[in-house]
């Protein structure tokens, strides 16, 4: 009986940020209108068999189609988050043509959604820094155990 009760206490894999609540505005300091640094992210214990994490942040509401703001991979298994302004060892090129984080920067108008997707991977990826999102997605094929997401919004007037 005690074992069943303890199993119920195990948290499901999830991602959040101390900087903003799910579905709520991302503070200006994390955008192109502010310091343009990544917000802190935290996550709970991953699924069994996880060896590393990967991250993709994008804007599915961008005028030209989904805009990639950040990719990172081979984030160590022992990590349970990334600090504000983190610079993981392996980061890819964004649609702003720069390696690393590029914060929300939508055109004036309606709010855009920014989706942080965290992937639990069954192995690390043999992918060099500066790789594209497409290369990251190809490298992750067959290696994703679970994906969780956090969505924030940002609007410019």
N, C-alpha and C. Protein backbone atom coordinates (compact mmCIF):
# COMPACT_ATOMS: atom_id res chain seq x y z
N UNK A 1 0.82 -1.19 0.00
CA UNK A 1 0.00 0.00 0.00
C UNK A 1 0.87 1.26 0.00
N UNK A 2 1.94 1.27 0.80
CA UNK A 2 2.83 2.42 0.87
C UNK A 2 3.51 2.65 -0.48
N UNK A 3 3.91 1.59 -1.18
CA UNK A 3 4.56 1.72 -2.49
C UNK A 3 3.62 2.41 -3.47
N UNK A 4 2.38 2.03 -3.51
CA UNK A 4 1.40 2.66 -4.40
C UNK A 4 1.27 4.14 -4.07
N UNK A 5 1.22 4.49 -2.81
CA UNK A 5 1.10 5.89 -2.41
C UNK A 5 2.33 6.69 -2.84
N UNK A 6 3.52 6.13 -2.69
CA UNK A 6 4.74 6.82 -3.09
C UNK A 6 4.82 7.00 -4.60
N UNK A 7 4.39 6.02 -5.35
CA UNK A 7 4.40 6.13 -6.81
C UNK A 7 3.52 7.29 -7.23
N UNK A 8 2.43 7.50 -6.58
CA UNK A 8 1.53 8.60 -6.90
C UNK A 8 2.16 9.96 -6.65
N UNK A 9 3.20 10.03 -5.82
CA UNK A 9 3.87 11.29 -5.51
C UNK A 9 4.93 11.67 -6.53
N UNK A 10 5.33 10.76 -7.40
CA UNK A 10 6.37 11.03 -8.39
C UNK A 10 5.81 12.03 -9.41
N UNK A 11 6.53 13.13 -9.58
CA UNK A 11 6.08 14.17 -10.51
C UNK A 11 6.27 13.73 -11.95
N UNK A 12 5.32 14.08 -12.79
CA UNK A 12 5.43 13.83 -14.22
C UNK A 12 6.43 14.81 -14.81
N UNK A 13 7.07 14.42 -15.89
CA UNK A 13 8.01 15.28 -16.60
C UNK A 13 7.28 16.54 -17.06
N UNK A 14 7.81 17.69 -16.75
CA UNK A 14 7.21 18.95 -17.14
C UNK A 14 8.24 20.06 -17.13
N UNK A 15 7.92 21.18 -17.78
CA UNK A 15 8.82 22.33 -17.84
C UNK A 15 8.06 23.58 -17.46
N UNK A 16 8.74 24.49 -16.75
CA UNK A 16 8.14 25.75 -16.35
C UNK A 16 9.24 26.81 -16.28
N UNK A 17 8.84 28.03 -15.95
CA UNK A 17 9.81 29.12 -15.80
C UNK A 17 9.41 29.96 -14.60
N UNK A 18 10.39 30.36 -13.78
CA UNK A 18 10.08 31.29 -12.70
C UNK A 18 9.83 32.71 -13.23
N UNK A 19 10.11 32.95 -14.52
CA UNK A 19 9.97 34.29 -15.11
C UNK A 19 8.55 34.60 -15.56
N UNK A 20 7.76 33.58 -15.90
CA UNK A 20 6.39 33.80 -16.36
C UNK A 20 5.57 32.55 -16.18
N UNK A 21 4.27 32.74 -16.06
CA UNK A 21 3.34 31.62 -15.91
C UNK A 21 2.92 31.11 -17.29
N UNK A 22 2.58 29.83 -17.42
CA UNK A 22 2.14 29.28 -18.70
C UNK A 22 1.00 30.10 -19.31
N UNK A 23 1.16 30.44 -20.58
CA UNK A 23 0.14 31.18 -21.30
C UNK A 23 0.13 32.67 -21.04
N UNK A 24 1.04 33.14 -20.18
CA UNK A 24 1.09 34.55 -19.81
C UNK A 24 2.23 35.28 -20.53
N UNK A 25 2.24 36.61 -20.50
CA UNK A 25 3.29 37.38 -21.17
C UNK A 25 4.69 37.09 -20.63
N UNK A 26 5.62 37.04 -21.56
CA UNK A 26 7.04 36.91 -21.22
C UNK A 26 7.54 38.32 -20.90
N UNK A 27 8.21 38.53 -19.76
CA UNK A 27 8.69 39.86 -19.40
C UNK A 27 9.63 40.44 -20.46
N UNK A 28 9.59 41.75 -20.62
CA UNK A 28 10.33 42.44 -21.67
C UNK A 28 11.83 42.17 -21.62
N UNK A 29 12.40 41.94 -20.45
CA UNK A 29 13.86 41.72 -20.37
C UNK A 29 14.32 40.51 -21.19
N UNK A 30 13.42 39.58 -21.49
CA UNK A 30 13.78 38.37 -22.24
C UNK A 30 13.52 38.52 -23.74
N UNK A 31 13.21 39.74 -24.18
CA UNK A 31 12.84 40.01 -25.56
C UNK A 31 13.86 40.94 -26.24
N UNK A 32 13.66 41.17 -27.54
CA UNK A 32 14.53 42.09 -28.27
C UNK A 32 14.34 43.53 -27.82
N UNK A 33 13.27 43.81 -27.08
CA UNK A 33 13.03 45.14 -26.56
C UNK A 33 13.71 45.35 -25.20
N UNK A 34 14.27 44.29 -24.66
CA UNK A 34 14.93 44.34 -23.36
C UNK A 34 16.37 43.87 -23.47
N UNK A 35 16.79 43.02 -22.53
CA UNK A 35 18.16 42.52 -22.50
C UNK A 35 18.39 41.37 -23.47
N UNK A 36 17.32 40.81 -24.00
CA UNK A 36 17.41 39.71 -24.96
C UNK A 36 18.20 38.52 -24.41
N UNK A 37 17.94 38.19 -23.15
CA UNK A 37 18.54 37.01 -22.51
C UNK A 37 17.45 35.97 -22.29
N UNK A 38 17.85 34.72 -22.29
CA UNK A 38 16.87 33.65 -22.11
C UNK A 38 16.33 33.64 -20.68
N UNK A 39 15.05 33.33 -20.53
CA UNK A 39 14.50 33.20 -19.18
C UNK A 39 14.99 31.89 -18.56
N UNK A 40 15.00 31.85 -17.25
CA UNK A 40 15.32 30.60 -16.56
C UNK A 40 14.22 29.58 -16.87
N UNK A 41 14.62 28.34 -17.03
CA UNK A 41 13.68 27.23 -17.22
C UNK A 41 14.00 26.18 -16.17
N UNK A 42 12.97 25.51 -15.69
CA UNK A 42 13.15 24.39 -14.76
C UNK A 42 12.29 23.23 -15.22
N UNK A 43 12.77 22.01 -14.96
CA UNK A 43 11.96 20.85 -15.31
C UNK A 43 12.09 19.77 -14.26
N UNK A 44 11.09 18.92 -14.26
CA UNK A 44 11.02 17.82 -13.30
C UNK A 44 11.70 16.60 -13.90
N UNK A 45 11.81 15.58 -13.08
CA UNK A 45 12.52 14.35 -13.46
C UNK A 45 12.00 13.81 -14.80
N UNK A 46 12.92 13.46 -15.69
CA UNK A 46 12.53 12.95 -17.01
C UNK A 46 12.16 11.48 -16.97
N UNK A 47 11.64 10.99 -18.10
CA UNK A 47 11.31 9.57 -18.17
C UNK A 47 12.55 8.68 -18.01
N UNK A 48 12.32 7.48 -17.55
CA UNK A 48 13.40 6.50 -17.41
C UNK A 48 14.05 6.28 -18.77
N UNK A 49 15.37 6.19 -18.78
CA UNK A 49 16.11 5.97 -20.02
C UNK A 49 16.63 7.24 -20.65
N UNK A 50 16.28 8.41 -20.08
CA UNK A 50 16.76 9.68 -20.62
C UNK A 50 18.27 9.79 -20.41
N UNK A 51 18.97 10.23 -21.46
CA UNK A 51 20.42 10.43 -21.38
C UNK A 51 20.81 11.91 -21.54
N UNK A 52 19.94 12.71 -22.16
CA UNK A 52 20.22 14.13 -22.39
C UNK A 52 18.91 14.83 -22.77
N UNK A 53 18.98 16.16 -22.84
CA UNK A 53 17.82 16.96 -23.22
C UNK A 53 18.16 17.81 -24.44
N UNK A 54 17.11 18.17 -25.18
CA UNK A 54 17.23 19.14 -26.27
C UNK A 54 16.10 20.15 -26.09
N UNK A 55 16.29 21.34 -26.63
CA UNK A 55 15.32 22.42 -26.48
C UNK A 55 15.13 23.12 -27.81
N UNK A 56 13.89 23.40 -28.14
CA UNK A 56 13.55 24.24 -29.30
C UNK A 56 12.56 25.29 -28.81
N UNK A 57 12.85 26.55 -29.10
CA UNK A 57 11.92 27.64 -28.82
C UNK A 57 11.54 28.27 -30.15
N UNK A 58 10.24 28.40 -30.39
CA UNK A 58 9.82 29.01 -31.64
C UNK A 58 8.57 29.85 -31.48
N UNK A 59 8.27 30.60 -32.55
CA UNK A 59 7.09 31.45 -32.63
C UNK A 59 6.24 30.93 -33.79
N UNK A 60 5.18 30.17 -33.50
CA UNK A 60 4.35 29.64 -34.59
C UNK A 60 3.46 30.70 -35.23
N UNK A 61 3.41 31.92 -34.65
CA UNK A 61 2.55 32.98 -35.15
C UNK A 61 3.29 33.98 -36.04
N UNK A 62 4.56 33.74 -36.32
CA UNK A 62 5.35 34.67 -37.13
C UNK A 62 4.74 34.81 -38.53
N UNK A 63 4.80 36.03 -39.10
CA UNK A 63 4.17 36.28 -40.40
C UNK A 63 4.64 35.35 -41.52
N UNK A 64 5.91 34.97 -41.51
CA UNK A 64 6.45 34.13 -42.57
C UNK A 64 6.41 32.64 -42.26
N UNK A 65 5.70 32.25 -41.21
CA UNK A 65 5.68 30.87 -40.76
C UNK A 65 6.49 30.74 -39.49
N UNK A 66 6.54 29.56 -38.92
CA UNK A 66 7.22 29.34 -37.64
C UNK A 66 8.65 29.87 -37.66
N UNK A 67 8.98 30.68 -36.67
CA UNK A 67 10.29 31.32 -36.55
C UNK A 67 11.02 30.67 -35.38
N UNK A 68 12.21 30.15 -35.63
CA UNK A 68 13.02 29.49 -34.60
C UNK A 68 13.83 30.54 -33.85
N UNK A 69 13.63 30.59 -32.52
CA UNK A 69 14.32 31.55 -31.66
C UNK A 69 15.48 30.95 -30.88
N UNK A 70 15.48 29.63 -30.70
CA UNK A 70 16.56 29.03 -29.91
C UNK A 70 16.52 27.53 -30.09
N UNK A 71 17.68 26.93 -30.25
CA UNK A 71 17.81 25.47 -30.19
C UNK A 71 19.05 25.15 -29.36
N UNK A 72 18.96 24.10 -28.59
CA UNK A 72 20.08 23.64 -27.78
C UNK A 72 19.93 22.13 -27.59
N UNK A 73 21.04 21.42 -27.46
CA UNK A 73 20.97 19.97 -27.29
C UNK A 73 22.17 19.49 -26.49
N UNK A 74 22.12 18.22 -26.15
CA UNK A 74 23.11 17.59 -25.28
C UNK A 74 23.19 18.30 -23.93
N UNK A 75 22.04 18.81 -23.48
CA UNK A 75 21.95 19.36 -22.13
C UNK A 75 22.03 18.14 -21.20
N UNK A 76 22.94 18.15 -20.24
CA UNK A 76 23.20 16.96 -19.43
C UNK A 76 21.97 16.43 -18.67
N UNK A 77 21.94 15.14 -18.52
CA UNK A 77 20.86 14.45 -17.81
C UNK A 77 20.67 15.01 -16.40
N UNK A 78 21.76 15.33 -15.72
CA UNK A 78 21.63 15.81 -14.33
C UNK A 78 21.02 17.21 -14.24
N UNK A 79 20.96 17.94 -15.35
CA UNK A 79 20.37 19.28 -15.34
C UNK A 79 18.87 19.19 -15.06
N UNK A 80 18.38 20.09 -14.25
CA UNK A 80 16.94 20.20 -13.99
C UNK A 80 16.47 21.61 -14.32
N UNK A 81 17.25 22.25 -15.21
CA UNK A 81 16.88 23.57 -15.67
C UNK A 81 18.05 24.27 -16.31
N UNK A 82 17.75 25.48 -16.79
CA UNK A 82 18.76 26.38 -17.34
C UNK A 82 18.58 27.72 -16.65
N UNK A 83 19.68 28.34 -16.25
CA UNK A 83 19.61 29.64 -15.59
C UNK A 83 19.29 30.74 -16.60
N UNK A 84 18.82 31.85 -16.10
CA UNK A 84 18.60 33.02 -16.95
C UNK A 84 19.89 33.32 -17.70
N UNK A 85 19.79 33.58 -18.99
CA UNK A 85 20.96 33.90 -19.81
C UNK A 85 21.85 32.71 -20.10
N UNK A 86 21.33 31.50 -19.91
CA UNK A 86 22.13 30.29 -20.11
C UNK A 86 22.68 30.22 -21.54
N UNK A 87 23.85 29.62 -21.63
CA UNK A 87 24.48 29.36 -22.93
C UNK A 87 24.94 27.91 -22.95
N UNK A 88 24.01 27.00 -23.24
CA UNK A 88 24.39 25.59 -23.30
C UNK A 88 25.55 25.38 -24.28
N UNK A 89 26.31 24.32 -24.06
CA UNK A 89 27.49 24.04 -24.88
C UNK A 89 27.15 23.85 -26.36
N UNK A 90 26.01 23.23 -26.65
CA UNK A 90 25.60 22.99 -28.04
C UNK A 90 24.34 23.79 -28.33
N UNK A 91 24.48 24.82 -29.18
CA UNK A 91 23.34 25.63 -29.58
C UNK A 91 23.33 25.76 -31.10
N UNK A 92 22.15 25.93 -31.64
CA UNK A 92 22.02 26.03 -33.09
C UNK A 92 21.77 27.44 -33.55
N UNK A 93 21.70 27.57 -34.86
CA UNK A 93 21.45 28.86 -35.49
C UNK A 93 19.95 29.12 -35.51
N UNK A 94 19.58 30.37 -35.22
CA UNK A 94 18.17 30.76 -35.20
C UNK A 94 17.77 31.29 -36.57
N UNK A 95 16.49 31.59 -36.71
CA UNK A 95 16.03 32.22 -37.94
C UNK A 95 16.44 33.68 -38.02
N UNK A 96 17.04 34.22 -36.95
CA UNK A 96 17.63 35.56 -36.97
C UNK A 96 19.09 35.46 -37.42
N UNK A 97 19.51 34.27 -37.84
CA UNK A 97 20.85 34.00 -38.34
C UNK A 97 21.95 34.24 -37.30
N UNK A 98 21.66 33.81 -36.07
CA UNK A 98 22.67 33.88 -35.01
C UNK A 98 22.59 32.62 -34.17
N UNK A 99 23.72 32.24 -33.60
CA UNK A 99 23.77 31.06 -32.74
C UNK A 99 23.40 31.49 -31.33
N UNK A 100 22.52 30.72 -30.69
CA UNK A 100 22.10 31.01 -29.32
C UNK A 100 20.70 31.58 -29.29
N UNK A 101 20.35 32.10 -28.14
CA UNK A 101 19.01 32.61 -27.88
C UNK A 101 18.76 33.92 -28.61
N UNK A 102 17.59 34.05 -29.22
CA UNK A 102 17.11 35.31 -29.78
C UNK A 102 15.68 35.46 -29.29
N UNK A 103 15.45 36.43 -28.42
CA UNK A 103 14.18 36.58 -27.75
C UNK A 103 13.02 37.00 -28.63
N UNK A 104 11.82 36.95 -28.07
CA UNK A 104 10.63 37.37 -28.80
C UNK A 104 10.81 38.77 -29.38
N UNK A 105 10.37 38.93 -30.63
CA UNK A 105 10.54 40.19 -31.34
C UNK A 105 9.50 40.28 -32.45
N UNK A 106 8.22 40.15 -32.10
CA UNK A 106 7.19 40.14 -33.14
C UNK A 106 6.94 41.52 -33.72
N UNK A 107 6.34 41.59 -34.90
CA UNK A 107 5.93 42.89 -35.41
C UNK A 107 4.80 43.43 -34.53
N UNK A 108 4.57 44.74 -34.57
CA UNK A 108 3.46 45.30 -33.79
C UNK A 108 2.14 44.63 -34.16
N UNK A 109 1.27 44.51 -33.18
CA UNK A 109 -0.04 43.91 -33.43
C UNK A 109 -0.41 42.91 -32.37
N UNK A 110 -1.09 41.87 -32.81
CA UNK A 110 -1.59 40.84 -31.90
C UNK A 110 -0.43 40.12 -31.20
N UNK A 111 -0.68 39.60 -29.99
CA UNK A 111 0.36 38.85 -29.29
C UNK A 111 0.73 37.58 -30.06
N UNK A 112 2.00 37.21 -29.94
CA UNK A 112 2.49 35.97 -30.51
C UNK A 112 2.74 34.98 -29.39
N UNK A 113 2.64 33.70 -29.71
CA UNK A 113 2.95 32.64 -28.75
C UNK A 113 4.40 32.21 -28.96
N UNK A 114 5.08 31.97 -27.86
CA UNK A 114 6.46 31.47 -27.88
C UNK A 114 6.47 30.14 -27.16
N UNK A 115 6.86 29.11 -27.90
CA UNK A 115 6.76 27.74 -27.40
C UNK A 115 8.16 27.20 -27.11
N UNK A 116 8.38 26.86 -25.84
CA UNK A 116 9.62 26.21 -25.40
C UNK A 116 9.32 24.72 -25.36
N UNK A 117 9.94 23.94 -26.23
CA UNK A 117 9.74 22.49 -26.27
C UNK A 117 11.00 21.82 -25.73
N UNK A 118 10.81 21.05 -24.67
CA UNK A 118 11.93 20.34 -24.05
C UNK A 118 11.77 18.86 -24.37
N UNK A 119 12.83 18.27 -24.92
CA UNK A 119 12.81 16.87 -25.34
C UNK A 119 13.71 16.05 -24.42
N UNK A 120 13.19 14.94 -23.90
CA UNK A 120 13.99 13.95 -23.18
C UNK A 120 14.48 12.97 -24.24
N UNK A 121 15.80 12.82 -24.34
CA UNK A 121 16.39 11.98 -25.39
C UNK A 121 17.02 10.72 -24.81
N UNK A 122 16.94 9.63 -25.57
CA UNK A 122 17.53 8.37 -25.14
C UNK A 122 19.03 8.31 -25.37
N UNK A 123 19.59 9.32 -26.05
CA UNK A 123 21.04 9.40 -26.25
C UNK A 123 21.44 10.83 -26.56
N UNK A 124 22.72 11.12 -26.44
CA UNK A 124 23.21 12.43 -26.86
C UNK A 124 23.24 12.45 -28.38
N UNK A 125 23.43 13.64 -28.94
CA UNK A 125 23.39 13.82 -30.38
C UNK A 125 24.77 14.19 -30.93
N UNK A 126 25.16 13.54 -32.01
CA UNK A 126 26.43 13.85 -32.67
C UNK A 126 26.15 14.97 -33.67
N UNK A 127 26.02 16.18 -33.14
CA UNK A 127 25.62 17.33 -33.94
C UNK A 127 26.45 18.53 -33.47
N UNK A 128 27.17 19.19 -34.38
CA UNK A 128 28.00 20.33 -33.95
C UNK A 128 27.18 21.58 -33.65
N UNK A 129 27.73 22.44 -32.82
CA UNK A 129 27.12 23.75 -32.57
C UNK A 129 26.96 24.47 -33.90
N UNK A 130 25.93 25.31 -33.98
CA UNK A 130 25.68 26.07 -35.20
C UNK A 130 24.82 25.33 -36.20
N UNK A 131 24.37 24.12 -35.85
CA UNK A 131 23.50 23.36 -36.74
C UNK A 131 22.12 24.01 -36.81
N UNK A 132 21.40 23.70 -37.87
CA UNK A 132 20.06 24.26 -38.06
C UNK A 132 19.02 23.48 -37.27
N UNK A 133 17.85 24.05 -37.18
CA UNK A 133 16.73 23.35 -36.54
C UNK A 133 16.42 22.06 -37.29
N UNK A 134 16.42 22.12 -38.62
CA UNK A 134 16.15 20.92 -39.42
C UNK A 134 17.17 19.82 -39.11
N UNK A 135 18.43 20.18 -38.97
CA UNK A 135 19.47 19.20 -38.64
C UNK A 135 19.24 18.63 -37.25
N UNK A 136 18.83 19.47 -36.30
CA UNK A 136 18.54 19.00 -34.96
C UNK A 136 17.37 18.03 -34.98
N UNK A 137 16.30 18.39 -35.67
CA UNK A 137 15.14 17.52 -35.72
C UNK A 137 15.48 16.18 -36.38
N UNK A 138 16.31 16.20 -37.40
CA UNK A 138 16.73 14.96 -38.06
C UNK A 138 17.55 14.10 -37.09
N UNK A 139 18.47 14.74 -36.36
CA UNK A 139 19.32 14.01 -35.41
C UNK A 139 18.50 13.41 -34.26
N UNK A 140 17.37 14.04 -33.91
CA UNK A 140 16.54 13.54 -32.81
C UNK A 140 15.62 12.39 -33.21
N UNK A 141 15.45 12.16 -34.51
CA UNK A 141 14.53 11.10 -34.96
C UNK A 141 14.87 9.77 -34.30
N UNK A 142 13.85 9.16 -33.70
CA UNK A 142 14.01 7.87 -33.04
C UNK A 142 14.66 7.94 -31.67
N UNK A 143 14.97 9.15 -31.20
CA UNK A 143 15.65 9.30 -29.91
C UNK A 143 14.82 10.02 -28.85
N UNK A 144 13.64 10.50 -29.23
CA UNK A 144 12.81 11.27 -28.30
C UNK A 144 11.96 10.31 -27.45
N UNK A 145 12.15 10.39 -26.14
CA UNK A 145 11.34 9.61 -25.21
C UNK A 145 10.06 10.36 -24.86
N UNK A 146 10.19 11.67 -24.71
CA UNK A 146 9.04 12.49 -24.33
C UNK A 146 9.35 13.94 -24.63
N UNK A 147 8.31 14.71 -24.94
CA UNK A 147 8.45 16.14 -25.18
C UNK A 147 7.41 16.85 -24.32
N UNK A 148 7.84 17.93 -23.65
CA UNK A 148 6.94 18.77 -22.88
C UNK A 148 7.12 20.20 -23.36
N UNK A 149 6.11 21.03 -23.10
CA UNK A 149 6.21 22.40 -23.61
C UNK A 149 5.72 23.42 -22.60
N UNK A 150 6.24 24.63 -22.79
CA UNK A 150 5.83 25.79 -22.02
C UNK A 150 5.57 26.88 -23.04
N UNK A 151 4.41 27.53 -22.94
CA UNK A 151 4.06 28.60 -23.87
C UNK A 151 3.93 29.92 -23.12
N UNK A 152 4.60 30.94 -23.65
CA UNK A 152 4.45 32.31 -23.16
C UNK A 152 4.05 33.18 -24.34
N UNK A 153 3.64 34.41 -24.06
CA UNK A 153 3.23 35.31 -25.14
C UNK A 153 4.04 36.60 -25.06
N UNK A 154 4.04 37.32 -26.18
CA UNK A 154 4.65 38.66 -26.19
C UNK A 154 3.99 39.47 -27.29
N UNK A 155 3.79 40.74 -26.99
CA UNK A 155 3.12 41.64 -27.93
C UNK A 155 3.84 42.98 -27.93
N UNK A 156 4.02 43.52 -29.13
CA UNK A 156 4.60 44.86 -29.28
C UNK A 156 3.54 45.78 -29.85
N UNK A 157 3.48 47.00 -29.35
CA UNK A 157 2.45 47.92 -29.85
C UNK A 157 3.01 48.84 -30.92
